[in-house]
Amino acid sequence: MQNKKGFSLFELMIVIGIIAILSAITVPNLIGWYHNQGLRSAVVELQSNLQLAKMFAVKQNQSCSININTGAGSYNIPDIGKTVLLGTYSGGVVFDSPDGTNTADLITFSSRGICASSLGGVPLTIGNVCLTNRDQSAFYRTRVFISGGVVTSKWNGSNWE
């Protein structure tokens, strides 16, 4: 009797079939995770930049504004020299909300850390910035209150939580 080493063609086809099935299951989940990860990164950076602008205003004893351009998909903080383009994040992050919440176009922190925001020149009591990814599988809203507090919430399909 001869000692045969190696795999038969049948065994190799079974392994390839198992790999194909596992790939078909995991690849769509990985793509969804990739898109949502870009959105989460954009939200975290937005919240950090809002805090940075607030700290700059207090430290320099002057106001500091965040200009939001929803059409261009960007925001900038001129006093710090920082511009963020949402299109650079994976998943194609854009300004949008599921419930018609408008994104403020200007958020300004005073030298005391107090916030004033507006939309089209109209003052707002709360500055909202809403972000989603290209396929709108998730929505986040970052709110800036008059007190200067910054809070982020996620849309659960019917409410912000």
Protein backbone atom coordinates (compact mmCIF):
# COMPACT_ATOMS: atom_id res chain seq x y z
CA MET A 1 0.00 0.00 0.00
CA GLN A 2 1.32 3.40 -0.97
CA ASN A 3 1.34 6.35 1.44
CA LYS A 4 -0.51 9.19 -0.34
CA LYS A 5 0.20 12.75 0.77
CA GLY A 6 -1.84 15.85 -0.05
CA PHE A 7 -5.49 16.70 -0.54
CA SER A 8 -7.91 15.26 -2.99
CA LEU A 9 -9.74 17.53 -5.42
CA PHE A 10 -12.98 16.85 -3.55
CA GLU A 11 -11.53 18.00 -0.21
CA LEU A 12 -10.14 21.14 -1.83
CA MET A 13 -13.53 21.98 -3.40
CA ILE A 14 -15.26 21.58 0.00
CA VAL A 15 -12.82 24.02 1.64
CA ILE A 16 -13.21 26.54 -1.20
CA GLY A 17 -17.02 26.25 -0.90
CA ILE A 18 -16.89 26.92 2.86
CA ILE A 19 -14.67 29.98 2.31
CA ALA A 20 -17.05 31.30 -0.36
CA ILE A 21 -20.07 30.92 1.94
CA LEU A 22 -18.31 32.65 4.86
CA SER A 23 -17.18 35.48 2.56
CA ALA A 24 -20.71 35.99 1.26
CA ILE A 25 -21.93 36.35 4.83
CA THR A 26 -19.18 38.61 6.21
CA VAL A 27 -18.36 41.02 3.34
CA PRO A 28 -21.69 42.96 3.44
CA ASN A 29 -21.33 43.34 7.22
CA LEU A 30 -17.77 44.62 6.83
CA ILE A 31 -18.85 47.18 4.23
CA GLY A 32 -21.63 48.43 6.54
CA TRP A 33 -19.20 48.62 9.45
CA TYR A 34 -16.72 50.55 7.29
CA HIS A 35 -19.35 53.16 6.32
CA ASN A 36 -20.60 53.55 9.89
CA GLN A 37 -17.04 53.82 11.22
CA GLY A 38 -16.42 56.84 8.98
CA LEU A 39 -19.61 58.48 10.26
CA ARG A 40 -18.69 57.82 13.89
CA SER A 41 -15.22 59.26 13.28
CA ALA A 42 -16.73 62.42 11.76
CA VAL A 43 -19.08 62.82 14.74
CA VAL A 44 -16.26 62.41 17.27
CA GLU A 45 -14.08 64.91 15.39
CA LEU A 46 -16.96 67.41 15.17
CA GLN A 47 -17.59 67.16 18.91
CA SER A 48 -13.86 67.56 19.61
CA ASN A 49 -13.61 70.59 17.31
CA LEU A 50 -16.59 72.24 19.01
CA GLN A 51 -14.89 71.77 22.38
CA LEU A 52 -11.62 73.04 20.89
CA ALA A 53 -13.35 76.22 19.65
CA LYS A 54 -14.93 76.74 23.06
CA MET A 55 -11.61 76.31 24.86
CA PHE A 56 -9.89 78.64 22.38
CA ALA A 57 -12.53 81.33 22.99
CA VAL A 58 -12.12 81.13 26.77
CA LYS A 59 -8.32 80.91 26.70
CA GLN A 60 -7.86 83.80 24.23
CA ASN A 61 -10.66 85.85 25.86
CA GLN A 62 -12.33 86.38 22.48
CA SER A 63 -15.18 84.84 20.51
CA CYS A 64 -14.54 81.85 18.24
CA SER A 65 -16.89 80.75 15.46
CA ILE A 66 -17.51 77.55 13.55
CA ASN A 67 -18.79 78.18 10.02
CA ILE A 68 -20.82 75.28 8.62
CA ASN A 69 -21.33 74.97 4.87
CA THR A 70 -23.90 72.21 4.33
CA GLY A 71 -23.79 72.61 0.53
CA ALA A 72 -20.04 72.05 0.36
CA GLY A 73 -20.11 69.40 3.09
CA SER A 74 -17.54 71.16 5.24
CA TYR A 75 -17.02 73.29 8.32
CA ASN A 76 -14.19 75.51 9.40
CA ILE A 77 -12.90 77.34 12.44
CA PRO A 78 -11.10 80.40 11.02
CA ASP A 79 -9.53 81.50 14.33
CA ILE A 80 -7.75 78.15 14.64
CA GLY A 81 -7.17 77.70 10.91
CA LYS A 82 -8.95 74.37 10.75
CA THR A 83 -11.20 73.12 7.92
CA VAL A 84 -12.89 69.72 7.85
CA LEU A 85 -14.25 68.19 4.64
CA LEU A 86 -16.85 65.52 5.38
CA GLY A 87 -16.25 63.80 2.03
CA THR A 88 -12.85 62.58 3.25
CA TYR A 89 -14.49 60.12 5.66
CA SER A 90 -15.35 56.58 4.58
CA GLY A 91 -19.01 56.10 3.77
CA GLY A 92 -19.45 59.59 2.31
CA VAL A 93 -20.49 61.60 5.38
CA VAL A 94 -22.95 64.47 4.72
CA PHE A 95 -25.06 66.97 6.67
CA ASP A 96 -28.62 65.61 6.87
CA SER A 97 -31.24 64.54 9.41
CA PRO A 98 -34.15 62.08 9.33
CA ASP A 99 -36.64 64.39 11.06
CA GLY A 100 -36.10 67.73 9.32
CA THR A 101 -33.79 69.13 12.01
CA ASN A 102 -31.86 71.97 10.40
CA THR A 103 -28.11 72.21 10.79
CA ALA A 104 -26.95 75.59 12.08
CA ASP A 105 -24.67 77.48 9.70
CA LEU A 106 -22.83 79.43 12.42
CA ILE A 107 -21.94 78.48 15.98
CA THR A 108 -20.06 81.06 18.05
CA PHE A 109 -18.56 80.68 21.51
CA SER A 110 -18.04 83.83 23.57
CA SER A 111 -14.99 84.49 25.73
CA ARG A 112 -16.97 82.98 28.65
CA GLY A 113 -17.75 79.75 26.74
CA ILE A 114 -21.37 80.74 26.14
CA CYS A 115 -22.75 79.69 22.76
CA ALA A 116 -24.76 81.59 20.18
CA SER A 117 -25.84 79.87 16.97
CA SER A 118 -27.82 80.87 13.91
CA LEU A 119 -29.34 79.55 10.72
CA GLY A 120 -29.51 82.00 7.82
CA GLY A 121 -28.88 84.88 10.23
CA VAL A 122 -31.78 83.86 12.51
CA PRO A 123 -30.64 83.22 16.10
CA LEU A 124 -31.23 79.73 17.49
CA THR A 125 -31.50 78.64 21.13
CA ILE A 126 -29.78 75.32 20.33
CA GLY A 127 -27.25 74.80 17.56
CA ASN A 128 -27.81 71.44 15.84
CA VAL A 129 -25.37 69.72 13.52
CA CYS A 130 -26.78 66.53 11.96
CA LEU A 131 -24.60 64.01 10.12
CA THR A 132 -25.29 60.80 8.21
CA ASN A 133 -23.47 58.55 5.77
CA ARG A 134 -24.21 58.19 2.05
CA ASP A 135 -26.63 55.27 2.45
CA GLN A 136 -28.33 56.97 5.44
CA SER A 137 -28.03 53.85 7.59
CA ALA A 138 -27.31 55.94 10.71
CA PHE A 139 -27.87 59.53 11.83
CA TYR A 140 -26.14 61.52 14.58
CA ARG A 141 -27.05 64.94 15.96
CA THR A 142 -24.61 67.08 17.89
CA ARG A 143 -26.31 69.84 19.87
CA VAL A 144 -24.63 72.91 21.26
CA PHE A 145 -26.61 74.57 24.04
CA ILE A 146 -26.52 78.23 25.06
CA SER A 147 -24.53 77.19 28.15
CA GLY A 148 -21.79 75.87 25.83
CA GLY A 149 -22.54 72.21 26.51
CA VAL A 150 -22.05 69.81 23.60
CA VAL A 151 -24.15 66.62 23.46
CA THR A 152 -24.31 63.99 20.72
CA SER A 153 -27.24 61.63 20.20
CA LYS A 154 -28.14 58.91 17.70
CA TRP A 155 -31.39 58.48 15.78
CA ASN A 156 -33.10 55.20 16.73
CA GLY A 157 -35.68 55.28 13.93
CA SER A 158 -38.24 57.44 15.71
CA ASN A 159 -36.38 59.54 18.32
CA TRP A 160 -32.97 60.93 19.21
CA GLU A 161 -31.37 59.06 22.10
